[in-house]
Protein backbone atom coordinates (compact mmCIF):
# COMPACT_ATOMS: atom_id res chain seq x y z
CA MET A 1 0.00 0.00 0.00
CA SER A 2 1.40 3.38 -1.02
CA HIS A 3 2.30 6.11 1.45
CA THR A 4 -0.38 8.32 -0.12
CA GLU A 5 -3.06 5.68 0.44
CA MET A 6 -1.99 5.27 4.05
CA GLU A 7 -2.22 9.02 4.58
CA ARG A 8 -5.65 9.18 2.96
CA CYS A 9 -7.00 6.41 5.17
CA ALA A 10 -5.59 8.23 8.21
CA GLY A 11 -7.28 11.45 7.16
CA GLY A 12 -4.36 13.24 5.50
CA SER A 13 -0.72 13.90 6.42
CA GLY A 14 -0.08 17.45 7.55
CA GLY A 15 -3.69 18.04 8.57
CA GLY A 16 -3.95 14.56 10.06
CA LEU A 17 -2.36 15.63 13.34
CA VAL A 18 -4.78 18.52 13.60
CA LYS A 19 -7.69 16.23 12.84
CA ARG A 20 -6.43 13.76 15.38
CA GLY A 21 -6.56 16.49 18.02
CA MET A 22 -10.01 17.64 16.94
CA TRP A 23 -11.45 14.15 16.89
CA GLY A 24 -9.61 12.85 19.93
CA GLY A 25 -12.67 13.23 22.13
CA LEU A 26 -14.87 11.37 19.65
CA ARG A 27 -12.37 8.53 19.39
CA GLN A 28 -12.27 8.28 23.15
CA GLN A 29 -16.07 8.07 23.16
CA TRP A 30 -15.93 5.20 20.63
CA LYS A 31 -13.51 3.35 22.90
CA LEU A 32 -15.91 3.77 25.78
CA LEU A 33 -18.62 2.25 23.64
CA GLY A 34 -16.56 -0.81 22.66
CA LEU A 35 -15.86 0.60 19.19
CA PHE A 36 -12.29 1.31 18.17
CA GLU A 37 -11.34 3.41 15.19
CA ILE A 38 -8.91 1.43 13.05
CA ASP A 39 -6.18 4.06 12.77
CA PRO A 40 -2.64 3.50 11.37
CA GLN A 41 -1.48 2.01 14.68
CA HIS A 42 -4.26 -0.61 14.72
CA GLU A 43 -3.44 -4.26 13.90
CA PHE A 44 -6.23 -4.39 11.29
CA TYR A 45 -5.40 -1.08 9.63
CA ARG A 46 -3.67 -2.50 6.55
CA LEU A 47 -6.29 -5.23 6.07
CA THR A 48 -9.27 -2.87 6.33
CA CYS A 49 -7.71 -0.33 3.97
CA MET A 50 -7.35 -3.14 1.43
CA MET A 51 -10.93 -4.18 2.09
CA ARG A 52 -12.15 -0.67 1.37
CA GLU A 53 -10.09 -0.39 -1.78
CA GLY A 54 -11.23 -3.80 -2.98
CA LEU A 55 -14.89 -3.11 -2.19
CA ALA A 56 -14.74 0.19 -4.05
CA ALA A 57 -13.48 -1.58 -7.18
CA ALA A 58 -15.95 -4.46 -6.81
CA ASN A 59 -18.85 -2.06 -6.40
CA GLN A 60 -17.72 -0.01 -9.36
CA HIS A 61 -17.66 -3.19 -11.44
CA THR A 62 -21.29 -3.77 -10.43
CA ILE A 63 -22.22 -0.21 -11.38
CA ASP A 64 -20.46 -0.50 -14.76
CA ASN A 65 -22.05 -3.88 -15.50
CA ALA A 66 -25.55 -3.31 -14.17
CA ASN A 67 -27.77 -6.31 -14.86
CA THR A 68 -31.31 -5.31 -15.82
CA ASN A 69 -32.42 -8.87 -16.59
CA GLU A 70 -33.84 -11.54 -14.32
CA LEU A 71 -31.24 -13.33 -12.22
CA SER A 72 -29.89 -16.45 -13.90
CA ASP A 73 -28.34 -19.60 -12.45
CA ALA A 74 -24.96 -18.30 -13.62
CA ASP A 75 -25.39 -15.19 -11.43
CA PHE A 76 -25.54 -17.36 -8.30
CA THR A 77 -22.20 -19.02 -9.14
CA SER A 78 -20.41 -16.02 -10.62
CA GLU A 79 -16.96 -15.08 -9.34
CA VAL A 80 -15.13 -11.88 -10.26
CA THR A 81 -11.44 -11.53 -9.41
CA GLN A 82 -9.79 -8.11 -9.37
CA ILE A 83 -6.04 -7.72 -8.98
CA HIS A 84 -4.73 -4.79 -6.95
CA LYS A 85 -1.20 -3.67 -6.17
CA ASP A 86 -0.80 -5.53 -2.86
CA PHE A 87 -3.70 -7.99 -2.88
CA THR A 88 -6.38 -9.77 -4.89
CA MET A 89 -10.11 -9.44 -4.19
CA GLN A 90 -12.69 -12.00 -5.24
CA THR A 91 -16.42 -11.22 -5.29
CA PHE A 92 -18.97 -14.04 -5.22
CA ALA A 93 -22.48 -13.89 -6.74
CA GLY A 94 -22.16 -10.14 -7.26
CA PRO A 95 -25.34 -9.72 -9.39
CA VAL A 96 -27.43 -11.54 -6.78
CA PHE A 97 -26.37 -9.31 -3.91
CA ALA A 98 -26.75 -6.23 -6.11
CA SER A 99 -30.33 -7.33 -6.76
CA LEU A 100 -30.94 -7.72 -3.03
CA ARG A 101 -29.50 -4.29 -2.27
CA SER A 102 -31.79 -2.80 -4.90
CA SER A 103 -34.82 -4.56 -3.41
CA LEU A 104 -33.99 -2.89 -0.09
CA GLY A 105 -34.19 0.53 -1.73
CA MET A 106 -30.42 0.94 -1.59
CA THR A 107 -28.54 2.51 -4.49
CA GLU A 108 -25.11 1.23 -5.46
CA GLN A 109 -23.74 4.74 -5.00
CA GLU A 110 -24.86 5.05 -1.37
CA TYR A 111 -23.64 1.51 -0.65
CA GLN A 112 -20.26 2.40 -2.11
CA GLN A 113 -20.15 5.70 -0.24
CA SER A 114 -20.75 4.01 3.09
CA LEU A 115 -18.30 1.14 2.59
CA CYS A 116 -15.56 3.02 0.81
CA SER A 117 -15.55 6.54 2.28
CA GLU A 118 -12.24 8.06 3.29
CA THR A 119 -13.03 7.49 6.96
CA CYS A 120 -11.64 4.30 8.46
CA PHE A 121 -13.69 1.35 9.65
CA LEU A 122 -14.47 0.76 13.30
CA GLN A 123 -13.65 -2.46 15.10
CA PHE A 124 -16.46 -3.86 17.21
CA ILE A 125 -15.26 -5.75 20.28
CA SER A 126 -17.81 -8.50 20.83
CA ASN A 127 -18.30 -10.72 23.87
CA SER A 128 -19.26 -13.51 21.46
CA LYS A 129 -17.39 -16.84 21.58
CA SER A 130 -16.93 -16.58 17.83
CA LYS A 131 -13.37 -16.17 16.57
CA ALA A 132 -14.59 -13.90 13.80
CA ASP A 133 -13.45 -10.30 13.46
CA PHE A 134 -16.20 -7.66 13.34
CA PHE A 135 -15.88 -4.32 11.58
CA LEU A 136 -18.39 -1.50 11.18
CA THR A 137 -18.50 1.18 8.54
CA ASN A 138 -17.86 4.59 10.03
CA ASP A 139 -21.55 5.49 9.78
CA LYS A 140 -22.36 2.17 11.58
CA ARG A 141 -24.78 1.15 8.84
CA PHE A 142 -23.02 -2.02 7.66
CA PHE A 143 -21.20 -4.84 9.42
CA LEU A 144 -18.27 -6.70 7.90
CA LYS A 145 -17.56 -10.06 9.48
CA THR A 146 -14.83 -12.59 8.70
CA GLN A 147 -16.08 -16.12 8.07
CA ASN A 148 -14.36 -19.45 7.45
CA LYS A 149 -14.49 -21.14 4.06
CA ARG A 150 -17.07 -23.74 5.17
CA GLU A 151 -19.50 -21.00 6.25
CA ILE A 152 -19.06 -19.13 2.98
CA LYS A 153 -19.67 -22.29 0.95
CA PHE A 154 -22.81 -22.97 3.00
CA LEU A 155 -24.16 -19.47 2.37
CA LEU A 156 -23.46 -19.58 -1.37
CA ALA A 157 -24.91 -23.09 -1.69
CA ASN A 158 -28.17 -21.88 -0.11
CA LEU A 159 -28.21 -18.40 -1.59
CA LYS A 160 -31.01 -19.14 -4.05
CA ILE A 161 -33.46 -20.39 -1.41
CA TYR A 162 -32.41 -17.52 0.89
CA MET A 163 -33.35 -15.07 -1.88
CA GLU A 164 -36.60 -16.93 -2.56
CA HIS A 165 -37.48 -16.69 1.13
CA LEU A 166 -36.87 -12.93 1.16
CA MET A 167 -38.94 -12.55 -1.98
CA LYS A 168 -41.83 -14.48 -0.47
CA TYR A 169 -41.48 -12.77 2.92
CA PRO A 170 -40.04 -9.32 2.16
CA HIS A 171 -40.38 -8.30 5.82
CA SER A 172 -38.32 -11.25 7.04
CA LEU A 173 -36.27 -10.71 10.19
CA LEU A 174 -33.31 -12.63 8.74
CA VAL A 175 -30.19 -10.50 8.52
CA LYS A 176 -29.68 -9.11 5.03
CA PHE A 177 -26.41 -10.30 3.47
CA LEU A 178 -25.22 -7.67 1.00
CA GLY A 179 -21.94 -9.11 -0.29
CA VAL A 180 -19.52 -12.04 -0.03
CA HIS A 181 -15.83 -11.53 -0.75
CA MET A 182 -12.40 -13.07 -0.36
CA ILE A 183 -9.18 -11.09 -0.02
CA LYS A 184 -5.78 -12.69 -0.69
CA ILE A 185 -2.61 -11.00 0.50
CA PRO A 186 0.70 -12.59 -0.57
CA SER A 187 2.20 -14.94 2.05
CA LYS A 188 -1.00 -14.80 4.14
CA PRO A 189 -4.04 -17.10 4.35
CA LYS A 190 -7.12 -16.20 2.35
CA LYS A 191 -9.55 -14.04 4.29
CA TYR A 192 -13.27 -14.52 3.57
CA PHE A 193 -15.75 -11.93 4.76
CA ILE A 194 -19.39 -10.93 4.38
CA VAL A 195 -21.09 -7.54 4.35
CA MET A 196 -24.45 -7.33 6.07
CA GLN A 197 -26.94 -4.72 7.16
CA SER A 198 -26.63 -3.76 10.81
CA VAL A 199 -29.76 -4.66 12.79
CA PHE A 200 -28.98 -1.90 15.30
CA TYR A 201 -29.13 1.07 12.94
CA PRO A 202 -29.42 3.92 13.69
CA ASP A 203 -28.04 3.30 17.17
CA GLU A 204 -27.85 6.83 18.59
CA ARG A 205 -30.40 6.26 21.39
CA ILE A 206 -30.36 2.49 21.88
CA ASN A 207 -30.06 1.84 25.61
CA ALA A 208 -29.94 -1.99 25.78
CA ARG A 209 -28.85 -4.78 23.43
CA TYR A 210 -29.54 -8.50 23.74
CA ASP A 211 -28.45 -11.69 21.99
CA ILE A 212 -31.23 -14.25 22.52
CA LYS A 213 -30.98 -18.01 21.90
CA GLY A 214 -33.92 -19.21 24.01
CA CYS A 215 -31.87 -21.21 26.53
CA GLU A 216 -30.17 -20.74 29.91
CA VAL A 217 -26.68 -22.32 30.03
CA SER A 218 -24.00 -19.61 29.57
CA ARG A 219 -26.71 -17.08 28.80
CA TRP A 220 -25.89 -14.43 31.38
CA THR A 221 -23.57 -11.46 30.81
CA GLU A 222 -22.45 -9.12 33.55
CA PRO A 223 -24.03 -5.74 32.75
CA ALA A 224 -21.89 -2.64 32.42
CA PRO A 225 -21.60 -0.56 35.61
CA GLU A 226 -24.44 1.91 36.07
CA GLY A 227 -23.73 5.13 34.24
CA SER A 228 -21.09 3.48 32.05
CA GLN A 229 -21.21 3.97 28.29
CA ILE A 230 -19.52 0.66 27.51
CA ILE A 231 -21.52 -1.45 25.07
CA VAL A 232 -22.34 -4.86 26.54
CA VAL A 233 -24.52 -7.25 24.55
CA LEU A 234 -26.67 -8.95 27.17
CA LYS A 235 -28.23 -12.44 26.92
CA ASP A 236 -31.34 -14.43 27.70
CA LEU A 237 -31.11 -14.49 31.49
CA ASN A 238 -30.53 -10.72 31.54
CA PHE A 239 -33.93 -10.28 29.87
CA GLU A 240 -35.92 -12.28 32.41
CA HIS A 241 -39.03 -10.49 33.81
CA GLN A 242 -38.98 -8.09 30.86
CA TYR A 243 -41.27 -7.97 27.82
CA ILE A 244 -41.29 -6.75 24.25
CA THR A 245 -44.46 -4.67 24.39
CA LEU A 246 -46.00 -4.35 20.94
CA ASP A 247 -49.77 -4.58 21.48
CA GLN A 248 -51.31 -4.92 18.01
CA GLN A 249 -48.03 -5.75 16.28
CA ARG A 250 -47.40 -8.79 18.49
CA PRO A 251 -49.18 -11.29 16.16
CA TRP A 252 -47.06 -10.04 13.26
CA LEU A 253 -43.82 -10.65 15.16
CA LEU A 254 -44.86 -14.10 16.38
CA ARG A 255 -45.79 -15.13 12.85
CA GLN A 256 -42.60 -13.78 11.29
CA VAL A 257 -40.34 -15.46 13.86
CA GLU A 258 -42.21 -18.71 13.21
CA VAL A 259 -41.74 -18.37 9.45
CA ASP A 260 -38.05 -17.47 9.64
CA THR A 261 -37.08 -20.13 12.17
CA GLU A 262 -38.96 -22.77 10.16
CA PHE A 263 -36.88 -21.74 7.15
CA LEU A 264 -33.69 -22.19 9.19
CA ARG A 265 -34.91 -25.56 10.46
CA GLY A 266 -35.22 -26.61 6.82
CA LEU A 267 -31.54 -25.69 6.36
CA ASN A 268 -30.70 -27.97 9.33
CA VAL A 269 -29.06 -25.11 11.25
CA LEU A 270 -29.05 -24.13 14.90
CA ASP A 271 -27.32 -21.72 17.29
CA TYR A 272 -28.62 -18.62 15.50
CA SER A 273 -29.50 -15.59 17.60
CA LEU A 274 -32.38 -13.19 17.83
CA LEU A 275 -30.78 -9.76 18.19
CA LEU A 276 -32.91 -7.37 20.21
CA ALA A 277 -32.48 -3.75 21.22
CA HIS A 278 -34.86 -1.04 22.37
CA GLN A 279 -35.10 2.68 22.92
CA PRO A 280 -37.91 4.95 24.15
CA LEU A 281 -39.96 6.66 21.48
CA GLN A 282 -39.53 10.40 21.23
CA GLN A 283 -42.37 12.47 22.69
CA ASP A 284 -43.62 13.46 19.24
CA GLU A 285 -43.66 9.80 18.15
CA LEU A 286 -46.01 8.70 20.92
CA HIS A 287 -49.65 8.18 19.91
CA GLN A 288 -49.07 9.86 16.56
CA SER A 289 -51.83 9.65 13.99
CA LEU A 290 -51.19 8.99 10.32
CA SER A 291 -52.25 11.42 7.67
CA PHE A 292 -53.73 10.00 4.47
CA ALA A 293 -50.59 10.92 2.52
CA THR A 294 -48.26 9.34 5.08
CA LEU A 295 -50.32 6.16 5.22
CA ILE A 296 -50.21 5.76 1.45
CA MET A 297 -46.48 6.47 1.37
CA ARG A 298 -45.74 3.81 3.98
CA THR A 299 -48.10 1.36 2.31
CA LYS A 300 -46.27 1.80 -0.97
CA LYS A 301 -42.93 1.41 0.75
CA SER A 302 -44.22 -1.79 2.32
CA VAL A 303 -45.40 -3.43 -0.88
CA ILE A 304 -43.13 -2.15 -3.64
CA GLN A 305 -39.57 -3.39 -3.61
CA GLY A 306 -36.95 -0.69 -3.91
CA SER A 307 -39.25 2.22 -3.07
CA SER A 308 -37.63 3.20 0.22
CA PRO A 309 -37.27 6.97 0.50
CA SER A 310 -33.83 8.53 0.32
CA HIS A 311 -31.82 9.73 3.29
CA SER A 312 -32.64 12.86 5.20
CA SER A 313 -30.46 14.96 7.47
CA VAL A 314 -32.04 13.51 10.61
CA PRO A 315 -30.33 10.25 11.64
CA GLY A 316 -32.64 7.34 11.02
CA ALA A 317 -35.62 9.34 9.76
CA VAL A 318 -36.93 9.79 6.25
CA PRO A 319 -39.18 12.56 4.94
CA GLU A 320 -42.90 12.21 5.53
CA ASP A 321 -43.83 14.13 2.39
CA ASP A 322 -41.90 12.15 -0.22
CA SER A 323 -42.91 13.81 -3.47
CA SER A 324 -41.82 10.75 -5.47
CA LEU A 325 -44.82 8.84 -4.09
CA LEU A 326 -47.73 10.72 -5.62
CA LEU A 327 -51.27 9.89 -4.60
CA THR A 328 -53.62 8.54 -7.21
CA GLY A 329 -57.33 7.94 -7.50
CA MET A 330 -56.65 4.28 -6.79
CA ASP A 331 -54.85 5.32 -3.60
CA GLU A 332 -57.89 7.23 -2.41
CA ALA A 333 -60.26 4.42 -3.32
CA CYS A 334 -58.00 1.97 -1.51
CA TRP A 335 -57.94 4.24 1.54
CA LYS A 336 -61.72 4.51 1.69
CA ARG A 337 -62.18 0.78 1.15
CA SER A 338 -59.61 -0.45 3.64
CA GLN A 339 -59.74 2.19 6.39
CA ALA A 340 -56.19 1.10 7.03
CA PRO A 341 -54.98 0.96 10.66
CA PRO A 342 -52.23 3.11 12.19
CA PRO A 343 -48.54 2.04 12.08
CA SER A 344 -48.86 0.06 15.31
CA SER A 345 -51.18 -2.40 13.58
CA SER A 346 -50.10 -5.94 12.94
CA VAL A 347 -50.24 -6.79 9.25
CA ALA A 348 -51.08 -5.03 6.04
CA THR A 349 -53.37 -7.81 4.92
CA ASP A 350 -55.43 -8.42 1.81
CA SER A 351 -57.23 -5.11 2.37
CA THR A 352 -54.00 -3.34 1.41
CA CYS A 353 -54.42 -1.87 -2.04
CA PRO A 354 -53.74 -4.75 -4.47
CA GLY A 355 -52.87 -2.36 -7.25
CA HIS A 356 -49.52 -1.70 -5.56
CA ALA A 357 -48.60 -5.29 -4.86
CA GLN A 358 -45.99 -6.26 -7.42
CA PRO A 359 -45.45 -4.07 -10.49
CA SER A 360 -44.06 -7.08 -12.36
CA VAL A 361 -47.22 -9.19 -11.97
CA SER A 362 -49.04 -9.56 -15.26
CA ASP A 363 -52.73 -8.85 -15.59
CA GLY A 364 -53.58 -12.53 -15.74
CA ALA A 365 -51.32 -13.59 -12.89
CA GLU A 366 -52.62 -14.31 -9.44
CA LEU A 367 -52.07 -11.40 -7.07
CA PRO A 368 -49.87 -12.21 -4.05
CA ASP A 369 -51.52 -13.00 -0.76
CA PHE A 370 -50.40 -10.23 1.60
CA LYS A 371 -51.38 -12.14 4.68
CA ALA A 372 -49.33 -15.16 3.63
CA GLN A 373 -46.40 -12.86 2.92
CA ASN A 374 -46.88 -11.27 6.32
CA ARG A 375 -46.39 -7.68 5.25
CA ARG A 376 -46.91 -4.70 7.54
CA LEU A 377 -46.81 -0.93 7.35
CA LEU A 378 -43.14 -0.11 7.73
CA PRO A 379 -41.99 2.67 10.06
CA ASN A 380 -40.60 5.79 8.46
CA LEU A 381 -36.93 4.94 9.08
CA LYS A 382 -33.83 4.05 7.09
CA ASN A 383 -33.76 0.52 8.52
CA PRO A 384 -37.50 -0.29 8.53
CA LEU A 385 -37.33 -4.07 8.15
CA HIS A 386 -35.62 -4.49 11.51
CA VAL A 387 -37.58 -1.80 13.37
CA ILE A 388 -40.92 -2.30 15.11
CA ASP A 389 -42.61 0.43 17.13
CA GLY A 390 -44.63 -0.46 20.20
CA PRO A 391 -46.76 2.01 22.17
CA GLU A 392 -43.77 3.41 24.10
CA GLN A 393 -40.61 1.67 22.86
CA ARG A 394 -38.91 1.22 19.49
CA TYR A 395 -37.50 -2.27 19.03
CA PHE A 396 -34.69 -3.38 16.74
CA ILE A 397 -35.03 -7.09 15.95
CA GLY A 398 -33.16 -9.41 13.59
CA ILE A 399 -31.97 -13.01 13.28
CA ILE A 400 -28.23 -13.49 12.76
CA ASP A 401 -25.52 -16.22 12.71
CA ILE A 402 -27.26 -18.79 10.52
CA PHE A 403 -24.23 -20.89 9.52
CA THR A 404 -24.04 -23.61 12.19
CA VAL A 405 -25.16 -26.93 10.68
CA TYR A 406 -26.32 -29.77 12.94
CA SER A 407 -23.40 -32.00 12.02
CA PHE A 408 -22.15 -35.21 13.61
CA ARG A 409 -19.81 -33.12 15.75
CA LYS A 410 -22.75 -31.02 16.99
CA ARG A 411 -24.70 -34.19 17.81
CA LEU A 412 -21.81 -35.36 19.97
CA GLU A 413 -21.69 -31.92 21.62
CA HIS A 414 -25.42 -32.25 22.34
CA LEU A 415 -24.90 -35.58 24.12
CA TRP A 416 -22.00 -34.22 26.13
CA LYS A 417 -23.99 -31.15 27.24
CA ARG A 418 -26.92 -33.34 28.29
CA LEU A 419 -24.57 -35.11 30.68
CA ARG A 420 -22.95 -31.91 31.90
CA HIS A 421 -26.15 -29.85 32.30
CA PRO A 422 -28.94 -32.31 33.24
CA GLY A 423 -32.35 -30.68 33.31
CA ARG A 424 -31.10 -27.37 31.90
CA SER A 425 -31.53 -25.88 28.44
CA PHE A 426 -28.47 -25.21 26.29
CA SER A 427 -27.88 -24.03 22.73
CA THR A 428 -26.74 -27.27 21.08
CA VAL A 429 -29.99 -29.09 20.33
CA SER A 430 -31.62 -30.37 17.15
CA PRO A 431 -32.76 -27.72 14.62
CA GLN A 432 -36.40 -28.67 15.27
CA THR A 433 -36.05 -28.20 19.03
CA TYR A 434 -34.08 -24.98 18.55
CA CYS A 435 -36.72 -23.56 16.22
CA VAL A 436 -39.66 -24.35 18.52
CA ARG A 437 -37.85 -23.17 21.64
CA LEU A 438 -36.98 -19.76 20.19
CA CYS A 439 -40.57 -19.29 19.05
CA HIS A 440 -41.75 -20.10 22.58
CA TRP A 441 -39.28 -17.60 24.02
CA VAL A 442 -40.66 -14.83 21.82
CA GLN A 443 -44.23 -15.82 22.69
CA ASP A 444 -43.46 -15.81 26.42
CA HIS A 445 -41.61 -12.49 26.34
CA THR A 446 -43.98 -10.39 24.26
CA LYS A 447 -47.29 -8.77 25.03
């Protein structure tokens, strides 16, 4: 890596020392929160600079070779290798992940800007037992996580049914994988990593985070001292005697967790986690009523892929009066016919205006069943699929870590844990038991 590149990643040469002084307080705050800026003295500095450079080139290749056709079988097995000065970057199934990003209302330019800006990545120090390295983009919108080759092969082998699941259930709680890559540095092992959407975004006011597996063994984490700003991801036993209070949206959540965990059971996986965080609603968000225009905008955003509004200057919020979503006579007729509920309602069911269901559906094709697809009116936020508003709290919910297959080794681990922890629940159980148990946990801890 050239000296110029190193300076750019550090924020400049001569002005870098000034910037370092100006931003010293912010860096110290990150350290208090368990986030470390990967500056030139950091052990992962060289690797993450290469990641950013490689991702910029890979994303530019996607922009220059935009695929406007339906995804083909070849897209799911495509591999693009780009050679850089000090490393080689390989991108897997690029057109497929570009299609997914588009369906989430994300432009390639904003994705590139977030991943490849001149600001360095942040390292997230996790209390997970995983040996993976976790990085965050500087705006905390995307996670990058190292994975072993077996996990990458598993994801790519099941990518088509993962995409089919998201198409059938566009409001799925499964974490959204946005890219799979491999970086090869001479004389070093290959490094595989994935890019995924952060469940906890925007995180400015989140006051508690949990990693839930639905069991009790090793599921307690010592909370941070009162008044401390250190990020500690708590676990199941820390959540006891608490509830996710959703009121009318509770049936939606129960159904979606059931659908997603059943999908994972079909993949024969276990040990995945339900990520959960919450924050109090702002005073002006409590008991708000929806205007006709806002209701139609959110309905359209809920049923049309890729129609998410663009960013606004307020972290996490998007404009209420999006002029790109104009009201039509059909909108008004749909409004009068459905008398649609407020955003705290459970599901946008069949009464949702069918004219906005899927623009690609032909006149003779059967319209999708909204109830089966479990759609809902999405909140007016940048990360709406993982955000659910209750009467007083905003919840961030997503399912992550879906790579652990119930192998022969895991079966042996299950037998060993049964002997070691008789009568107690632990994470290593059959996929069927794991699926049912997590659903029961959500049912027991929501109201």
